[in-house]
Amino acid sequence: MNERQISCIDHEAMLARQERTIRRFFIIVILLIILLVGTNAAWLWYEAQLEETVTTVEQDVEANDGNAYVAGVGSVDIGESETESHG
């Protein structure tokens, strides 16, 4: 077998680097969780600032032969139109 041996000092140095890297990753994960909670809280606060308004509209409705016309809203064309020709 071809085994490669490293010294104890090199091994300890490698472990120290890995511990620093793991500590940095842990700090980044905690920071990202805090930022996620913060952004969600900010959106909830923003949505709470908006007022819900309810608008009620009352209009008169006339119904003839099953056709309804709402007063004041657009125009209603029912059936065929006749055009006048001026010559």
PDB file of N, CA and C in Angstrom:
ATOM      1  N   MET A   1       0.836  -1.178   0.000  1.00  0.00           N
ATOM      2  CA  MET A   1       0.000   0.000   0.000  1.00  0.00           C
ATOM      3  C   MET A   1       0.875   1.232   0.000  1.00  0.00           C
ATOM      4  N   ASN A   2       0.350   2.219  -0.659  1.00  0.00           N
ATOM      5  CA  ASN A   2       1.074   3.489  -0.742  1.00  0.00           C
ATOM      6  C   ASN A   2       0.374   4.499   0.158  1.00  0.00           C
ATOM      7  N   GLU A   3       0.811   4.577   1.379  1.00  0.00           N
ATOM      8  CA  GLU A   3       0.208   5.509   2.321  1.00  0.00           C
ATOM      9  C   GLU A   3       1.075   6.749   2.442  1.00  0.00           C
ATOM     10  N   ARG A   4       0.379   7.862   2.500  1.00  0.00           N
ATOM     11  CA  ARG A   4       1.092   9.134   2.641  1.00  0.00           C
ATOM     12  C   ARG A   4       0.918   9.608   4.067  1.00  0.00           C
ATOM     13  N   GLN A   5       1.999   9.909   4.734  1.00  0.00           N
ATOM     14  CA  GLN A   5       1.916  10.357   6.115  1.00  0.00           C
ATOM     15  C   GLN A   5       2.212  11.847   6.172  1.00  0.00           C
ATOM     16  N   ILE A   6       1.434  12.515   7.032  1.00  0.00           N
ATOM     17  CA  ILE A   6       1.690  13.938   7.249  1.00  0.00           C
ATOM     18  C   ILE A   6       2.061  14.135   8.704  1.00  0.00           C
ATOM     19  N   SER A   7       2.736  15.208   8.952  1.00  0.00           N
ATOM     20  CA  SER A   7       3.176  15.447  10.323  1.00  0.00           C
ATOM     21  C   SER A   7       2.004  15.920  11.182  1.00  0.00           C
ATOM     22  N   CYS A   8       2.188  15.790  12.468  1.00  0.00           N
ATOM     23  CA  CYS A   8       1.162  16.196  13.431  1.00  0.00           C
ATOM     24  C   CYS A   8       0.921  17.705  13.358  1.00  0.00           C
ATOM     25  N   ILE A   9       1.950  18.471  13.131  1.00  0.00           N
ATOM     26  CA  ILE A   9       1.833  19.937  13.047  1.00  0.00           C
ATOM     27  C   ILE A   9       0.987  20.334  11.835  1.00  0.00           C
ATOM     28  N   ASP A  10       1.240  19.675  10.696  1.00  0.00           N
ATOM     29  CA  ASP A  10       0.439  19.972   9.503  1.00  0.00           C
ATOM     30  C   ASP A  10      -1.025  19.586   9.708  1.00  0.00           C
ATOM     31  N   HIS A  11      -1.235  18.455  10.366  1.00  0.00           N
ATOM     32  CA  HIS A  11      -2.598  18.013  10.639  1.00  0.00           C
ATOM     33  C   HIS A  11      -3.329  19.007  11.545  1.00  0.00           C
ATOM     34  N   GLU A  12      -2.670  19.465  12.586  1.00  0.00           N
ATOM     35  CA  GLU A  12      -3.277  20.439  13.498  1.00  0.00           C
ATOM     36  C   GLU A  12      -3.564  21.763  12.781  1.00  0.00           C
ATOM     37  N   ALA A  13      -2.677  22.175  11.910  1.00  0.00           N
ATOM     38  CA  ALA A  13      -2.895  23.417  11.155  1.00  0.00           C
ATOM     39  C   ALA A  13      -4.104  23.279  10.241  1.00  0.00           C
ATOM     40  N   MET A  14      -4.239  22.119   9.596  1.00  0.00           N
ATOM     41  CA  MET A  14      -5.384  21.881   8.719  1.00  0.00           C
ATOM     42  C   MET A  14      -6.687  21.893   9.520  1.00  0.00           C
ATOM     43  N   LEU A  15      -6.681  21.263  10.689  1.00  0.00           N
ATOM     44  CA  LEU A  15      -7.875  21.260  11.530  1.00  0.00           C
ATOM     45  C   LEU A  15      -8.220  22.674  12.006  1.00  0.00           C
ATOM     46  N   ALA A  16      -7.240  23.477  12.308  1.00  0.00           N
ATOM     47  CA  ALA A  16      -7.492  24.857  12.741  1.00  0.00           C
ATOM     48  C   ALA A  16      -8.136  25.654  11.606  1.00  0.00           C
ATOM     49  N   ARG A  17      -7.643  25.466  10.380  1.00  0.00           N
ATOM     50  CA  ARG A  17      -8.249  26.160   9.230  1.00  0.00           C
ATOM     51  C   ARG A  17      -9.695  25.715   9.024  1.00  0.00           C
ATOM     52  N   GLN A  18      -9.937  24.420   9.158  1.00  0.00           N
ATOM     53  CA  GLN A  18     -11.300  23.918   8.999  1.00  0.00           C
ATOM     54  C   GLN A  18     -12.227  24.462  10.083  1.00  0.00           C
ATOM     55  N   GLU A  19     -11.750  24.563  11.304  1.00  0.00           N
ATOM     56  CA  GLU A  19     -12.567  25.116  12.387  1.00  0.00           C
ATOM     57  C   GLU A  19     -12.911  26.569  12.120  1.00  0.00           C
ATOM     58  N   ARG A  20     -11.949  27.355  11.620  1.00  0.00           N
ATOM     59  CA  ARG A  20     -12.228  28.761  11.287  1.00  0.00           C
ATOM     60  C   ARG A  20     -13.253  28.857  10.163  1.00  0.00           C
ATOM     61  N   THR A  21     -13.118  27.978   9.164  1.00  0.00           N
ATOM     62  CA  THR A  21     -14.067  27.982   8.045  1.00  0.00           C
ATOM     63  C   THR A  21     -15.464  27.617   8.522  1.00  0.00           C
ATOM     64  N   ILE A  22     -15.562  26.602   9.357  1.00  0.00           N
ATOM     65  CA  ILE A  22     -16.863  26.183   9.880  1.00  0.00           C
ATOM     66  C   ILE A  22     -17.472  27.294  10.725  1.00  0.00           C
ATOM     67  N   ARG A  23     -16.679  27.971  11.538  1.00  0.00           N
ATOM     68  CA  ARG A  23     -17.172  29.076  12.360  1.00  0.00           C
ATOM     69  C   ARG A  23     -17.709  30.197  11.467  1.00  0.00           C
ATOM     70  N   ARG A  24     -17.000  30.512  10.377  1.00  0.00           N
ATOM     71  CA  ARG A  24     -17.468  31.559   9.450  1.00  0.00           C
ATOM     72  C   ARG A  24     -18.779  31.163   8.789  1.00  0.00           C
ATOM     73  N   PHE A  25     -18.876  29.912   8.356  1.00  0.00           N
ATOM     74  CA  PHE A  25     -20.121  29.443   7.757  1.00  0.00           C
ATOM     75  C   PHE A  25     -21.272  29.503   8.760  1.00  0.00           C
ATOM     76  N   PHE A  26     -21.002  29.149   9.994  1.00  0.00           N
ATOM     77  CA  PHE A  26     -22.038  29.201  11.027  1.00  0.00           C
ATOM     78  C   PHE A  26     -22.512  30.640  11.227  1.00  0.00           C
ATOM     79  N   ILE A  27     -21.595  31.595  11.271  1.00  0.00           N
ATOM     80  CA  ILE A  27     -21.958  33.006  11.415  1.00  0.00           C
ATOM     81  C   ILE A  27     -22.782  33.470  10.223  1.00  0.00           C
ATOM     82  N   ILE A  28     -22.411  33.036   9.022  1.00  0.00           N
ATOM     83  CA  ILE A  28     -23.166  33.416   7.821  1.00  0.00           C
ATOM     84  C   ILE A  28     -24.571  32.840   7.869  1.00  0.00           C
ATOM     85  N   VAL A  29     -24.716  31.603   8.304  1.00  0.00           N
ATOM     86  CA  VAL A  29     -26.044  30.984   8.401  1.00  0.00           C
ATOM     87  C   VAL A  29     -26.911  31.729   9.407  1.00  0.00           C
ATOM     88  N   ILE A  30     -26.360  32.058  10.558  1.00  0.00           N
ATOM     89  CA  ILE A  30     -27.119  32.811  11.572  1.00  0.00           C
ATOM     90  C   ILE A  30     -27.520  34.177  11.025  1.00  0.00           C
ATOM     91  N   LEU A  31     -26.596  34.851  10.333  1.00  0.00           N
ATOM     92  CA  LEU A  31     -26.896  36.159   9.745  1.00  0.00           C
ATOM     93  C   LEU A  31     -28.005  36.057   8.708  1.00  0.00           C
ATOM     94  N   LEU A  32     -27.972  35.037   7.859  1.00  0.00           N
ATOM     95  CA  LEU A  32     -29.020  34.867   6.848  1.00  0.00           C
ATOM     96  C   LEU A  32     -30.376  34.581   7.479  1.00  0.00           C
ATOM     97  N   ILE A  33     -30.405  33.813   8.552  1.00  0.00           N
ATOM     98  CA  ILE A  33     -31.673  33.551   9.244  1.00  0.00           C
ATOM     99  C   ILE A  33     -32.224  34.841   9.839  1.00  0.00           C
ATOM    100  N   ILE A  34     -31.362  35.640  10.450  1.00  0.00           N
ATOM    101  CA  ILE A  34     -31.802  36.921  11.019  1.00  0.00           C
ATOM    102  C   ILE A  34     -32.338  37.838   9.924  1.00  0.00           C
ATOM    103  N   LEU A  35     -31.643  37.891   8.783  1.00  0.00           N
ATOM    104  CA  LEU A  35     -32.113  38.730   7.675  1.00  0.00           C
ATOM    105  C   LEU A  35     -33.436  38.226   7.106  1.00  0.00           C
ATOM    106  N   LEU A  36     -33.618  36.925   7.032  1.00  0.00           N
ATOM    107  CA  LEU A  36     -34.885  36.368   6.545  1.00  0.00           C
ATOM    108  C   LEU A  36     -36.036  36.758   7.462  1.00  0.00           C
ATOM    109  N   VAL A  37     -35.841  36.604   8.757  1.00  0.00           N
ATOM    110  CA  VAL A  37     -36.883  36.986   9.716  1.00  0.00           C
ATOM    111  C   VAL A  37     -37.131  38.491   9.643  1.00  0.00           C
ATOM    112  N   GLY A  38     -36.063  39.276   9.491  1.00  0.00           N
ATOM    113  CA  GLY A  38     -36.208  40.731   9.408  1.00  0.00           C
ATOM    114  C   GLY A  38     -36.991  41.175   8.187  1.00  0.00           C
ATOM    115  N   THR A  39     -36.723  40.568   7.027  1.00  0.00           N
ATOM    116  CA  THR A  39     -37.462  40.966   5.826  1.00  0.00           C
ATOM    117  C   THR A  39     -38.924  40.552   5.920  1.00  0.00           C
ATOM    118  N   ASN A  40     -39.194  39.388   6.485  1.00  0.00           N
ATOM    119  CA  ASN A  40     -40.590  38.978   6.656  1.00  0.00           C
ATOM    120  C   ASN A  40     -41.314  39.905   7.631  1.00  0.00           C
ATOM    121  N   ALA A  41     -40.643  40.303   8.696  1.00  0.00           N
ATOM    122  CA  ALA A  41     -41.254  41.238   9.642  1.00  0.00           C
ATOM    123  C   ALA A  41     -41.498  42.590   8.980  1.00  0.00           C
ATOM    124  N   ALA A  42     -40.579  43.024   8.133  1.00  0.00           N
ATOM    125  CA  ALA A  42     -40.762  44.297   7.437  1.00  0.00           C
ATOM    126  C   ALA A  42     -41.966  44.248   6.503  1.00  0.00           C
ATOM    127  N   TRP A  43     -42.152  43.123   5.789  1.00  0.00           N
ATOM    128  CA  TRP A  43     -43.323  43.008   4.911  1.00  0.00           C
ATOM    129  C   TRP A  43     -44.613  42.980   5.718  1.00  0.00           C
ATOM    130  N   LEU A  44     -44.616  42.297   6.837  1.00  0.00           N
ATOM    131  CA  LEU A  44     -45.822  42.275   7.667  1.00  0.00           C
ATOM    132  C   LEU A  44     -46.142  43.669   8.197  1.00  0.00           C
ATOM    133  N   TRP A  45     -45.125  44.417   8.605  1.00  0.00           N
ATOM    134  CA  TRP A  45     -45.341  45.776   9.074  1.00  0.00           C
ATOM    135  C   TRP A  45     -45.870  46.655   7.931  1.00  0.00           C
ATOM    136  N   TYR A  46     -45.308  46.498   6.737  1.00  0.00           N
ATOM    137  CA  TYR A  46     -45.746  47.285   5.578  1.00  0.00           C
ATOM    138  C   TYR A  46     -47.209  46.984   5.243  1.00  0.00           C
ATOM    139  N   GLU A  47     -47.572  45.717   5.233  1.00  0.00           N
ATOM    140  CA  GLU A  47     -48.951  45.347   4.927  1.00  0.00           C
ATOM    141  C   GLU A  47     -49.911  45.835   6.011  1.00  0.00           C
ATOM    142  N   ALA A  48     -49.471  45.919   7.246  1.00  0.00           N
ATOM    143  CA  ALA A  48     -50.335  46.389   8.330  1.00  0.00           C
ATOM    144  C   ALA A  48     -50.600  47.890   8.216  1.00  0.00           C
ATOM    145  N   GLN A  49     -49.726  48.624   7.517  1.00  0.00           N
ATOM    146  CA  GLN A  49     -49.907  50.069   7.373  1.00  0.00           C
ATOM    147  C   GLN A  49     -51.012  50.416   6.384  1.00  0.00           C
ATOM    148  N   LEU A  50     -51.341  49.511   5.481  1.00  0.00           N
ATOM    149  CA  LEU A  50     -52.359  49.778   4.465  1.00  0.00           C
ATOM    150  C   LEU A  50     -53.746  49.669   5.082  1.00  0.00           C
ATOM    151  N   GLU A  51     -54.609  50.595   4.680  1.00  0.00           N
ATOM    152  CA  GLU A  51     -55.978  50.572   5.175  1.00  0.00           C
ATOM    153  C   GLU A  51     -56.860  49.858   4.172  1.00  0.00           C
ATOM    154  N   GLU A  52     -57.764  49.048   4.688  1.00  0.00           N
ATOM    155  CA  GLU A  52     -58.706  48.361   3.819  1.00  0.00           C
ATOM    156  C   GLU A  52     -59.945  49.231   3.679  1.00  0.00           C
ATOM    157  N   THR A  53     -60.293  49.582   2.463  1.00  0.00           N
ATOM    158  CA  THR A  53     -61.457  50.418   2.233  1.00  0.00           C
ATOM    159  C   THR A  53     -62.517  49.612   1.504  1.00  0.00           C
ATOM    160  N   VAL A  54     -63.748  49.858   1.877  1.00  0.00           N
ATOM    161  CA  VAL A  54     -64.877  49.203   1.243  1.00  0.00           C
ATOM    162  C   VAL A  54     -65.714  50.287   0.591  1.00  0.00           C
ATOM    163  N   THR A  55     -65.964  50.133  -0.699  1.00  0.00           N
ATOM    164  CA  THR A  55     -66.758  51.104  -1.445  1.00  0.00           C
ATOM    165  C   THR A  55     -68.073  50.455  -1.838  1.00  0.00           C
ATOM    166  N   THR A  56     -69.155  51.131  -1.496  1.00  0.00           N
ATOM    167  CA  THR A  56     -70.479  50.641  -1.839  1.00  0.00           C
ATOM    168  C   THR A  56     -71.070  51.553  -2.896  1.00  0.00           C
ATOM    169  N   VAL A  57     -71.525  50.965  -3.983  1.00  0.00           N
ATOM    170  CA  VAL A  57     -72.127  51.723  -5.076  1.00  0.00           C
ATOM    171  C   VAL A  57     -73.572  51.288  -5.211  1.00  0.00           C
ATOM    172  N   GLU A  58     -74.476  52.261  -5.198  1.00  0.00           N
ATOM    173  CA  GLU A  58     -75.897  51.964  -5.391  1.00  0.00           C
ATOM    174  C   GLU A  58     -76.330  52.566  -6.706  1.00  0.00           C
ATOM    175  N   GLN A  59     -76.993  51.759  -7.532  1.00  0.00           N
ATOM    176  CA  GLN A  59     -77.465  52.224  -8.821  1.00  0.00           C
ATOM    177  C   GLN A  59     -78.856  51.677  -9.072  1.00  0.00           C
ATOM    178  N   ASP A  60     -79.606  52.432  -9.898  1.00  0.00           N
ATOM    179  CA  ASP A  60     -80.939  51.993 -10.286  1.00  0.00           C
ATOM    180  C   ASP A  60     -80.821  51.047 -11.472  1.00  0.00           C
ATOM    181  N   VAL A  61     -81.606  49.982 -11.436  1.00  0.00           N
ATOM    182  CA  VAL A  61     -81.583  48.993 -12.513  1.00  0.00           C
ATOM    183  C   VAL A  61     -82.987  48.828 -13.042  1.00  0.00           C
ATOM    184  N   GLU A  62     -83.121  48.917 -14.361  1.00  0.00           N
ATOM    185  CA  GLU A  62     -84.403  48.678 -15.013  1.00  0.00           C
ATOM    186  C   GLU A  62     -84.286  47.391 -15.812  1.00  0.00           C
ATOM    187  N   ALA A  63     -85.297  46.540 -15.698  1.00  0.00           N
ATOM    188  CA  ALA A  63     -85.275  45.280 -16.436  1.00  0.00           C
ATOM    189  C   ALA A  63     -86.536  45.180 -17.281  1.00  0.00           C
ATOM    190  N   ASN A  64     -86.353  44.998 -18.586  1.00  0.00           N
ATOM    191  CA  ASN A  64     -87.466  44.807 -19.516  1.00  0.00           C
ATOM    192  C   ASN A  64     -87.190  43.538 -20.312  1.00  0.00           C
ATOM    193  N   ASP A  65     -88.112  42.626 -20.299  1.00  0.00           N
ATOM    194  CA  ASP A  65     -87.996  41.381 -21.063  1.00  0.00           C
ATOM    195  C   ASP A  65     -86.699  40.630 -20.747  1.00  0.00           C
ATOM    196  N   GLY A  66     -86.263  40.642 -19.517  1.00  0.00           N
ATOM    197  CA  GLY A  66     -85.080  39.897 -19.127  1.00  0.00           C
ATOM    198  C   GLY A  66     -83.777  40.625 -19.399  1.00  0.00           C
ATOM    199  N   ASN A  67     -83.823  41.811 -20.001  1.00  0.00           N
ATOM    200  CA  ASN A  67     -82.618  42.589 -20.256  1.00  0.00           C
ATOM    201  C   ASN A  67     -82.503  43.673 -19.201  1.00  0.00           C
ATOM    202  N   ALA A  68     -81.355  43.805 -18.598  1.00  0.00           N
ATOM    203  CA  ALA A  68     -81.173  44.789 -17.542  1.00  0.00           C
ATOM    204  C   ALA A  68     -80.258  45.899 -18.035  1.00  0.00           C
ATOM    205  N   TYR A  69     -80.561  47.108 -17.610  1.00  0.00           N
ATOM    206  CA  TYR A  69     -79.735  48.269 -17.936  1.00  0.00           C
ATOM    207  C   TYR A  69     -79.403  48.975 -16.635  1.00  0.00           C
ATOM    208  N   VAL A  70     -78.135  49.193 -16.390  1.00  0.00           N
ATOM    209  CA  VAL A  70     -77.706  49.885 -15.187  1.00  0.00           C
ATOM    210  C   VAL A  70     -77.555  51.352 -15.548  1.00  0.00           C
ATOM    211  N   ALA A  71     -78.285  52.210 -14.847  1.00  0.00           N
ATOM    212  CA  ALA A  71     -78.320  53.628 -15.182  1.00  0.00           C
ATOM    213  C   ALA A  71     -76.949  54.260 -15.018  1.00  0.00           C
ATOM    214  N   GLY A  72     -76.529  54.970 -16.050  1.00  0.00           N
ATOM    215  CA  GLY A  72     -75.307  55.740 -15.968  1.00  0.00           C
ATOM    216  C   GLY A  72     -74.036  54.983 -16.293  1.00  0.00           C
ATOM    217  N   VAL A  73     -74.143  53.729 -16.702  1.00  0.00           N
ATOM    218  CA  VAL A  73     -72.940  52.959 -16.995  1.00  0.00           C
ATOM    219  C   VAL A  73     -72.979  52.546 -18.458  1.00  0.00           C
ATOM    220  N   GLY A  74     -72.263  53.246 -19.295  1.00  0.00           N
ATOM    221  CA  GLY A  74     -72.126  52.867 -20.702  1.00  0.00           C
ATOM    222  C   GLY A  74     -73.433  52.934 -21.458  1.00  0.00           C
ATOM    223  N   SER A  75     -73.490  52.174 -22.532  1.00  0.00           N
ATOM    224  CA  SER A  75     -74.703  52.129 -23.344  1.00  0.00           C
ATOM    225  C   SER A  75     -75.055  50.681 -23.605  1.00  0.00           C
ATOM    226  N   VAL A  76     -76.331  50.461 -23.940  1.00  0.00           N
ATOM    227  CA  VAL A  76     -76.805  49.113 -24.201  1.00  0.00           C
ATOM    228  C   VAL A  76     -77.369  49.082 -25.605  1.00  0.00           C
ATOM    229  N   ASP A  77     -76.885  48.168 -26.417  1.00  0.00           N
ATOM    230  CA  ASP A  77     -77.415  47.953 -27.762  1.00  0.00           C
ATOM    231  C   ASP A  77     -78.022  46.570 -27.797  1.00  0.00           C
ATOM    232  N   ILE A  78     -79.328  46.514 -27.951  1.00  0.00           N
ATOM    233  CA  ILE A  78     -80.020  45.238 -27.997  1.00  0.00           C
ATOM    234  C   ILE A  78     -80.698  45.106 -29.342  1.00  0.00           C
ATOM    235  N   GLY A  79     -80.496  43.994 -29.991  1.00  0.00           N
ATOM    236  CA  GLY A  79     -81.140  43.757 -31.275  1.00  0.00           C
ATOM    237  C   GLY A  79     -80.381  44.386 -32.428  1.00  0.00           C
ATOM    238  N   GLU A  80     -81.061  44.501 -33.527  1.00  0.00           N
ATOM    239  CA  GLU A  80     -80.449  45.042 -34.733  1.00  0.00           C
ATOM    240  C   GLU A  80     -80.594  46.553 -34.749  1.00  0.00           C
ATOM    241  N   SER A  81     -79.578  47.217 -35.296  1.00  0.00           N
ATOM    242  CA  SER A  81     -79.668  48.662 -35.393  1.00  0.00           C
ATOM    243  C   SER A  81     -80.091  49.050 -36.808  1.00  0.00           C
ATOM    244  N   GLU A  82     -80.809  50.143 -36.879  1.00  0.00           N
ATOM    245  CA  GLU A  82     -81.240  50.656 -38.174  1.00  0.00           C
ATOM    246  C   GLU A  82     -80.459  51.907 -38.462  1.00  0.00           C
ATOM    247  N   THR A  83     -79.968  52.023 -39.680  1.00  0.00           N
ATOM    248  CA  THR A  83     -79.234  53.218 -40.058  1.00  0.00           C
ATOM    249  C   THR A  83     -80.067  54.038 -41.029  1.00  0.00           C
ATOM    250  N   GLU A  84     -79.961  55.297 -40.889  1.00  0.00           N
ATOM    251  CA  GLU A  84     -80.673  56.210 -41.797  1.00  0.00           C
ATOM    252  C   GLU A  84     -79.688  56.671 -42.847  1.00  0.00           C
ATOM    253  N   SER A  85     -80.102  56.630 -44.099  1.00  0.00           N
ATOM    254  CA  SER A  85     -79.219  57.119 -45.154  1.00  0.00           C
ATOM    255  C   SER A  85     -79.774  58.439 -45.656  1.00  0.00           C
ATOM    256  N   HIS A  86     -78.907  59.422 -45.674  1.00  0.00           N
ATOM    257  CA  HIS A  86     -79.291  60.749 -46.148  1.00  0.00           C
ATOM    258  C   HIS A  86     -78.667  60.899 -47.524  1.00  0.00           C
ATOM    259  N   GLY A  87     -79.482  61.206 -48.505  1.00  0.00           N
ATOM    260  CA  GLY A  87     -78.956  61.246 -49.848  1.00  0.00           C
ATOM    261  C   GLY A  87     -78.966  62.538 -50.457  1.00  0.00           C
TER     262      GLY A  87
END
